[in-house]
Amino acid sequence: MEPRTLDCRGMKCPRPTLQLMSVSREMKPGEIVEVIADCPTFETDTRKLCEDLKMALLFVKVEGPVKRVQIRR
């Protein structure tokens, strides 16, 4: 199954995290979403959200000012 992509570049915090929360409600167990964002606190916020919602943070890739994460429900 191809990961769903959520592009949050240009959004300021907390919008990327709110977008991810919204998408996570629609995800089925085992489904993966890839999120791309350039908000400075995105990585920290995502790690906390994954912990709170019991989702697996598969990876964080830093690509200049952009961070790309994959999360499994």
PDB file of N, CA and C in Angstrom:
ATOM      1  N   MET A   1       0.848  -1.174   0.000  1.00  0.00           N
ATOM      2  CA  MET A   1       0.000   0.000   0.000  1.00  0.00           C
ATOM      3  C   MET A   1       0.893   1.238   0.000  1.00  0.00           C
ATOM      4  N   GLU A   2       0.636   2.131  -0.900  1.00  0.00           N
ATOM      5  CA  GLU A   2       1.385   3.379  -1.040  1.00  0.00           C
ATOM      6  C   GLU A   2       1.001   4.333   0.091  1.00  0.00           C
ATOM      7  N   PRO A   3       2.004   4.961   0.753  1.00  0.00           N
ATOM      8  CA  PRO A   3       1.665   5.910   1.822  1.00  0.00           C
ATOM      9  C   PRO A   3       0.884   7.112   1.286  1.00  0.00           C
ATOM     10  N   ARG A   4      -0.021   7.576   2.069  1.00  0.00           N
ATOM     11  CA  ARG A   4      -0.756   8.805   1.773  1.00  0.00           C
ATOM     12  C   ARG A   4       0.189   9.974   2.054  1.00  0.00           C
ATOM     13  N   THR A   5       0.147  11.035   1.268  1.00  0.00           N
ATOM     14  CA  THR A   5       1.035  12.178   1.464  1.00  0.00           C
ATOM     15  C   THR A   5       0.241  13.406   1.902  1.00  0.00           C
ATOM     16  N   LEU A   6       0.755  14.068   2.903  1.00  0.00           N
ATOM     17  CA  LEU A   6       0.153  15.289   3.417  1.00  0.00           C
ATOM     18  C   LEU A   6       1.225  16.375   3.351  1.00  0.00           C
ATOM     19  N   ASP A   7       1.045  17.348   2.464  1.00  0.00           N
ATOM     20  CA  ASP A   7       2.028  18.412   2.275  1.00  0.00           C
ATOM     21  C   ASP A   7       1.605  19.632   3.081  1.00  0.00           C
ATOM     22  N   CYS A   8       2.351  19.920   4.131  1.00  0.00           N
ATOM     23  CA  CYS A   8       2.031  21.035   5.025  1.00  0.00           C
ATOM     24  C   CYS A   8       3.065  22.150   4.928  1.00  0.00           C
ATOM     25  N   ARG A   9       3.846  22.173   3.865  1.00  0.00           N
ATOM     26  CA  ARG A   9       4.840  23.238   3.712  1.00  0.00           C
ATOM     27  C   ARG A   9       4.133  24.584   3.645  1.00  0.00           C
ATOM     28  N   GLY A  10       4.718  25.562   4.342  1.00  0.00           N
ATOM     29  CA  GLY A  10       4.154  26.904   4.371  1.00  0.00           C
ATOM     30  C   GLY A  10       3.170  27.123   5.502  1.00  0.00           C
ATOM     31  N   MET A  11       2.738  26.061   6.158  1.00  0.00           N
ATOM     32  CA  MET A  11       1.823  26.187   7.292  1.00  0.00           C
ATOM     33  C   MET A  11       2.626  26.447   8.565  1.00  0.00           C
ATOM     34  N   LYS A  12       2.132  27.333   9.386  1.00  0.00           N
ATOM     35  CA  LYS A  12       2.777  27.619  10.666  1.00  0.00           C
ATOM     36  C   LYS A  12       2.128  26.793  11.769  1.00  0.00           C
ATOM     37  N   CYS A  13       2.914  26.483  12.783  1.00  0.00           N
ATOM     38  CA  CYS A  13       2.411  25.687  13.898  1.00  0.00           C
ATOM     39  C   CYS A  13       1.250  26.417  14.568  1.00  0.00           C
ATOM     40  N   PRO A  14       0.237  25.709  14.961  1.00  0.00           N
ATOM     41  CA  PRO A  14       0.106  24.262  15.055  1.00  0.00           C
ATOM     42  C   PRO A  14      -0.598  23.606  13.862  1.00  0.00           C
ATOM     43  N   ARG A  15      -0.766  24.311  12.748  1.00  0.00           N
ATOM     44  CA  ARG A  15      -1.552  23.769  11.632  1.00  0.00           C
ATOM     45  C   ARG A  15      -1.060  22.413  11.112  1.00  0.00           C
ATOM     46  N   PRO A  16       0.257  22.171  10.930  1.00  0.00           N
ATOM     47  CA  PRO A  16       0.664  20.846  10.448  1.00  0.00           C
ATOM     48  C   PRO A  16       0.226  19.723  11.394  1.00  0.00           C
ATOM     49  N   THR A  17       0.355  19.968  12.685  1.00  0.00           N
ATOM     50  CA  THR A  17      -0.049  18.960  13.668  1.00  0.00           C
ATOM     51  C   THR A  17      -1.560  18.754  13.649  1.00  0.00           C
ATOM     52  N   LEU A  18      -2.308  19.829  13.521  1.00  0.00           N
ATOM     53  CA  LEU A  18      -3.777  19.703  13.449  1.00  0.00           C
ATOM     54  C   LEU A  18      -4.190  18.947  12.193  1.00  0.00           C
ATOM     55  N   GLN A  19      -3.523  19.204  11.077  1.00  0.00           N
ATOM     56  CA  GLN A  19      -3.804  18.477   9.831  1.00  0.00           C
ATOM     57  C   GLN A  19      -3.519  16.988  10.018  1.00  0.00           C
ATOM     58  N   LEU A  20      -2.388  16.668  10.642  1.00  0.00           N
ATOM     59  CA  LEU A  20      -2.036  15.274  10.893  1.00  0.00           C
ATOM     60  C   LEU A  20      -3.053  14.606  11.811  1.00  0.00           C
ATOM     61  N   MET A  21      -3.491  15.304  12.832  1.00  0.00           N
ATOM     62  CA  MET A  21      -4.516  14.744  13.736  1.00  0.00           C
ATOM     63  C   MET A  21      -5.787  14.427  12.969  1.00  0.00           C
ATOM     64  N   SER A  22      -6.198  15.328  12.095  1.00  0.00           N
ATOM     65  CA  SER A  22      -7.402  15.137  11.304  1.00  0.00           C
ATOM     66  C   SER A  22      -7.276  13.908  10.399  1.00  0.00           C
ATOM     67  N   VAL A  23      -6.151  13.788   9.731  1.00  0.00           N
ATOM     68  CA  VAL A  23      -5.925  12.643   8.831  1.00  0.00           C
ATOM     69  C   VAL A  23      -5.838  11.343   9.628  1.00  0.00           C
ATOM     70  N   SER A  24      -5.225  11.390  10.808  1.00  0.00           N
ATOM     71  CA  SER A  24      -5.054  10.165  11.598  1.00  0.00           C
ATOM     72  C   SER A  24      -6.393   9.555  12.013  1.00  0.00           C
ATOM     73  N   ARG A  25      -7.414  10.385  12.151  1.00  0.00           N
ATOM     74  CA  ARG A  25      -8.740   9.866  12.524  1.00  0.00           C
ATOM     75  C   ARG A  25      -9.346   9.005  11.413  1.00  0.00           C
ATOM     76  N   GLU A  26      -8.947   9.287  10.172  1.00  0.00           N
ATOM     77  CA  GLU A  26      -9.478   8.557   9.014  1.00  0.00           C
ATOM     78  C   GLU A  26      -8.666   7.304   8.686  1.00  0.00           C
ATOM     79  N   MET A  27      -7.485   7.174   9.280  1.00  0.00           N
ATOM     80  CA  MET A  27      -6.594   6.074   8.941  1.00  0.00           C
ATOM     81  C   MET A  27      -7.017   4.770   9.600  1.00  0.00           C
ATOM     82  N   LYS A  28      -6.802   3.691   8.864  1.00  0.00           N
ATOM     83  CA  LYS A  28      -7.052   2.354   9.396  1.00  0.00           C
ATOM     84  C   LYS A  28      -5.754   1.835  10.010  1.00  0.00           C
ATOM     85  N   PRO A  29      -5.830   0.889  10.944  1.00  0.00           N
ATOM     86  CA  PRO A  29      -4.611   0.326  11.526  1.00  0.00           C
ATOM     87  C   PRO A  29      -3.683  -0.210  10.428  1.00  0.00           C
ATOM     88  N   GLY A  30      -2.408   0.121  10.551  1.00  0.00           N
ATOM     89  CA  GLY A  30      -1.418  -0.317   9.576  1.00  0.00           C
ATOM     90  C   GLY A  30      -1.207   0.655   8.433  1.00  0.00           C
ATOM     91  N   GLU A  31      -2.115   1.588   8.267  1.00  0.00           N
ATOM     92  CA  GLU A  31      -1.995   2.574   7.197  1.00  0.00           C
ATOM     93  C   GLU A  31      -0.861   3.555   7.522  1.00  0.00           C
ATOM     94  N   ILE A  32      -0.201   4.064   6.458  1.00  0.00           N
ATOM     95  CA  ILE A  32       0.934   4.972   6.620  1.00  0.00           C
ATOM     96  C   ILE A  32       0.631   6.305   5.959  1.00  0.00           C
ATOM     97  N   VAL A  33       1.049   7.379   6.632  1.00  0.00           N
ATOM     98  CA  VAL A  33       0.947   8.723   6.060  1.00  0.00           C
ATOM     99  C   VAL A  33       2.343   9.341   6.090  1.00  0.00           C
ATOM    100  N   GLU A  34       2.689  10.019   5.009  1.00  0.00           N
ATOM    101  CA  GLU A  34       3.942  10.760   4.946  1.00  0.00           C
ATOM    102  C   GLU A  34       3.595  12.239   5.001  1.00  0.00           C
ATOM    103  N   VAL A  35       4.223  12.957   5.923  1.00  0.00           N
ATOM    104  CA  VAL A  35       3.937  14.377   6.104  1.00  0.00           C
ATOM    105  C   VAL A  35       5.206  15.174   5.813  1.00  0.00           C
ATOM    106  N   ILE A  36       5.040  16.242   5.045  1.00  0.00           N
ATOM    107  CA  ILE A  36       6.144  17.133   4.691  1.00  0.00           C
ATOM    108  C   ILE A  36       5.800  18.505   5.258  1.00  0.00           C
ATOM    109  N   ALA A  37       6.729  19.070   6.043  1.00  0.00           N
ATOM    110  CA  ALA A  37       6.456  20.373   6.651  1.00  0.00           C
ATOM    111  C   ALA A  37       7.749  21.137   6.865  1.00  0.00           C
ATOM    112  N   ASP A  38       7.623  22.458   6.943  1.00  0.00           N
ATOM    113  CA  ASP A  38       8.792  23.295   7.187  1.00  0.00           C
ATOM    114  C   ASP A  38       8.640  24.157   8.445  1.00  0.00           C
ATOM    115  N   CYS A  39       7.680  23.839   9.256  1.00  0.00           N
ATOM    116  CA  CYS A  39       7.475  24.523  10.535  1.00  0.00           C
ATOM    117  C   CYS A  39       8.614  24.138  11.490  1.00  0.00           C
ATOM    118  N   PRO A  40       9.217  25.096  12.190  1.00  0.00           N
ATOM    119  CA  PRO A  40      10.367  24.801  13.050  1.00  0.00           C
ATOM    120  C   PRO A  40      10.108  23.768  14.151  1.00  0.00           C
ATOM    121  N   THR A  41       8.884  23.717  14.679  1.00  0.00           N
ATOM    122  CA  THR A  41       8.603  22.783  15.782  1.00  0.00           C
ATOM    123  C   THR A  41       7.907  21.506  15.307  1.00  0.00           C
ATOM    124  N   PHE A  42       7.842  21.301  14.006  1.00  0.00           N
ATOM    125  CA  PHE A  42       7.096  20.167  13.457  1.00  0.00           C
ATOM    126  C   PHE A  42       7.585  18.819  13.987  1.00  0.00           C
ATOM    127  N   GLU A  43       8.889  18.589  14.001  1.00  0.00           N
ATOM    128  CA  GLU A  43       9.404  17.288  14.452  1.00  0.00           C
ATOM    129  C   GLU A  43       9.031  17.022  15.906  1.00  0.00           C
ATOM    130  N   THR A  44       9.251  17.999  16.769  1.00  0.00           N
ATOM    131  CA  THR A  44       8.923  17.846  18.191  1.00  0.00           C
ATOM    132  C   THR A  44       7.430  17.613  18.384  1.00  0.00           C
ATOM    133  N   ASP A  45       6.613  18.396  17.699  1.00  0.00           N
ATOM    134  CA  ASP A  45       5.152  18.255  17.809  1.00  0.00           C
ATOM    135  C   ASP A  45       4.694  16.887  17.313  1.00  0.00           C
ATOM    136  N   THR A  46       5.302  16.411  16.226  1.00  0.00           N
ATOM    137  CA  THR A  46       4.918  15.122  15.647  1.00  0.00           C
ATOM    138  C   THR A  46       5.291  13.977  16.582  1.00  0.00           C
ATOM    139  N   ARG A  47       6.471  14.048  17.163  1.00  0.00           N
ATOM    140  CA  ARG A  47       6.887  12.994  18.105  1.00  0.00           C
ATOM    141  C   ARG A  47       5.904  12.911  19.283  1.00  0.00           C
ATOM    142  N   LYS A  48       5.507  14.053  19.804  1.00  0.00           N
ATOM    143  CA  LYS A  48       4.560  14.092  20.933  1.00  0.00           C
ATOM    144  C   LYS A  48       3.195  13.551  20.510  1.00  0.00           C
ATOM    145  N   LEU A  49       2.730  13.946  19.325  1.00  0.00           N
ATOM    146  CA  LEU A  49       1.439  13.471  18.842  1.00  0.00           C
ATOM    147  C   LEU A  49       1.452  11.954  18.657  1.00  0.00           C
ATOM    148  N   CYS A  50       2.512  11.425  18.071  1.00  0.00           N
ATOM    149  CA  CYS A  50       2.607   9.979  17.874  1.00  0.00           C
ATOM    150  C   CYS A  50       2.582   9.239  19.210  1.00  0.00           C
ATOM    151  N   GLU A  51       3.286   9.781  20.182  1.00  0.00           N
ATOM    152  CA  GLU A  51       3.289   9.185  21.516  1.00  0.00           C
ATOM    153  C   GLU A  51       1.889   9.218  22.121  1.00  0.00           C
ATOM    154  N   ASP A  52       1.225  10.361  22.032  1.00  0.00           N
ATOM    155  CA  ASP A  52      -0.112  10.513  22.611  1.00  0.00           C
ATOM    156  C   ASP A  52      -1.148   9.614  21.938  1.00  0.00           C
ATOM    157  N   LEU A  53      -1.060   9.475  20.608  1.00  0.00           N
ATOM    158  CA  LEU A  53      -2.054   8.702  19.854  1.00  0.00           C
ATOM    159  C   LEU A  53      -1.641   7.253  19.609  1.00  0.00           C
ATOM    160  N   LYS A  54      -0.487   6.858  20.178  1.00  0.00           N
ATOM    161  CA  LYS A  54       0.022   5.485  20.039  1.00  0.00           C
ATOM    162  C   LYS A  54       0.225   5.107  18.572  1.00  0.00           C
ATOM    163  N   MET A  55       0.817   6.034  17.804  1.00  0.00           N
ATOM    164  CA  MET A  55       1.149   5.764  16.412  1.00  0.00           C
ATOM    165  C   MET A  55       2.664   5.613  16.311  1.00  0.00           C
ATOM    166  N   ALA A  56       3.119   4.869  15.309  1.00  0.00           N
ATOM    167  CA  ALA A  56       4.551   4.621  15.146  1.00  0.00           C
ATOM    168  C   ALA A  56       5.164   5.664  14.213  1.00  0.00           C
ATOM    169  N   LEU A  57       6.177   6.353  14.703  1.00  0.00           N
ATOM    170  CA  LEU A  57       6.945   7.283  13.875  1.00  0.00           C
ATOM    171  C   LEU A  57       8.018   6.450  13.193  1.00  0.00           C
ATOM    172  N   LEU A  58       7.872   6.221  11.890  1.00  0.00           N
ATOM    173  CA  LEU A  58       8.779   5.339  11.155  1.00  0.00           C
ATOM    174  C   LEU A  58      10.107   6.000  10.832  1.00  0.00           C
ATOM    175  N   PHE A  59      10.072   7.256  10.417  1.00  0.00           N
ATOM    176  CA  PHE A  59      11.318   7.985  10.193  1.00  0.00           C
ATOM    177  C   PHE A  59      11.075   9.481  10.131  1.00  0.00           C
ATOM    178  N   VAL A  60      12.169  10.213  10.351  1.00  0.00           N
ATOM    179  CA  VAL A  60      12.210  11.667  10.176  1.00  0.00           C
ATOM    180  C   VAL A  60      13.402  11.937   9.265  1.00  0.00           C
ATOM    181  N   LYS A  61      13.172  12.572   8.139  1.00  0.00           N
ATOM    182  CA  LYS A  61      14.251  12.961   7.237  1.00  0.00           C
ATOM    183  C   LYS A  61      14.285  14.479   7.160  1.00  0.00           C
ATOM    184  N   VAL A  62      15.476  15.025   7.348  1.00  0.00           N
ATOM    185  CA  VAL A  62      15.661  16.467   7.253  1.00  0.00           C
ATOM    186  C   VAL A  62      16.212  16.766   5.871  1.00  0.00           C
ATOM    187  N   GLU A  63      15.503  17.604   5.136  1.00  0.00           N
ATOM    188  CA  GLU A  63      15.889  17.983   3.780  1.00  0.00           C
ATOM    189  C   GLU A  63      15.964  19.505   3.736  1.00  0.00           C
ATOM    190  N   GLY A  64      17.073  20.054   4.236  1.00  0.00           N
ATOM    191  CA  GLY A  64      17.192  21.507   4.352  1.00  0.00           C
ATOM    192  C   GLY A  64      16.213  22.002   5.400  1.00  0.00           C
ATOM    193  N   PRO A  65      15.393  22.994   5.062  1.00  0.00           N
ATOM    194  CA  PRO A  65      14.427  23.518   6.038  1.00  0.00           C
ATOM    195  C   PRO A  65      13.174  22.636   6.161  1.00  0.00           C
ATOM    196  N   VAL A  66      13.080  21.630   5.309  1.00  0.00           N
ATOM    197  CA  VAL A  66      11.892  20.766   5.271  1.00  0.00           C
ATOM    198  C   VAL A  66      12.169  19.467   6.015  1.00  0.00           C
ATOM    199  N   LYS A  67      11.156  19.006   6.742  1.00  0.00           N
ATOM    200  CA  LYS A  67      11.233  17.689   7.400  1.00  0.00           C
ATOM    201  C   LYS A  67      10.145  16.809   6.799  1.00  0.00           C
ATOM    202  N   ARG A  68      10.520  15.555   6.566  1.00  0.00           N
ATOM    203  CA  ARG A  68       9.608  14.554   6.003  1.00  0.00           C
ATOM    204  C   ARG A  68       9.522  13.426   7.020  1.00  0.00           C
ATOM    205  N   VAL A  69       8.314  13.088   7.431  1.00  0.00           N
ATOM    206  CA  VAL A  69       8.116  12.005   8.396  1.00  0.00           C
ATOM    207  C   VAL A  69       7.141  10.987   7.818  1.00  0.00           C
ATOM    208  N   GLN A  70       7.301   9.739   8.252  1.00  0.00           N
ATOM    209  CA  GLN A  70       6.297   8.726   7.946  1.00  0.00           C
ATOM    210  C   GLN A  70       5.795   8.180   9.261  1.00  0.00           C
ATOM    211  N   ILE A  71       4.473   8.031   9.314  1.00  0.00           N
ATOM    212  CA  ILE A  71       3.795   7.598  10.524  1.00  0.00           C
ATOM    213  C   ILE A  71       2.842   6.466  10.177  1.00  0.00           C
ATOM    214  N   ARG A  72       2.863   5.421  11.016  1.00  0.00           N
ATOM    215  CA  ARG A  72       1.924   4.299  10.825  1.00  0.00           C
ATOM    216  C   ARG A  72       0.915   4.299  11.951  1.00  0.00           C
ATOM    217  N   ARG A  73      -0.337   4.150  11.578  1.00  0.00           N
ATOM    218  CA  ARG A  73      -1.439   4.086  12.554  1.00  0.00           C
ATOM    219  C   ARG A  73      -1.387   2.762  13.248  1.00  0.00           C
TER     220      ARG A  73
END
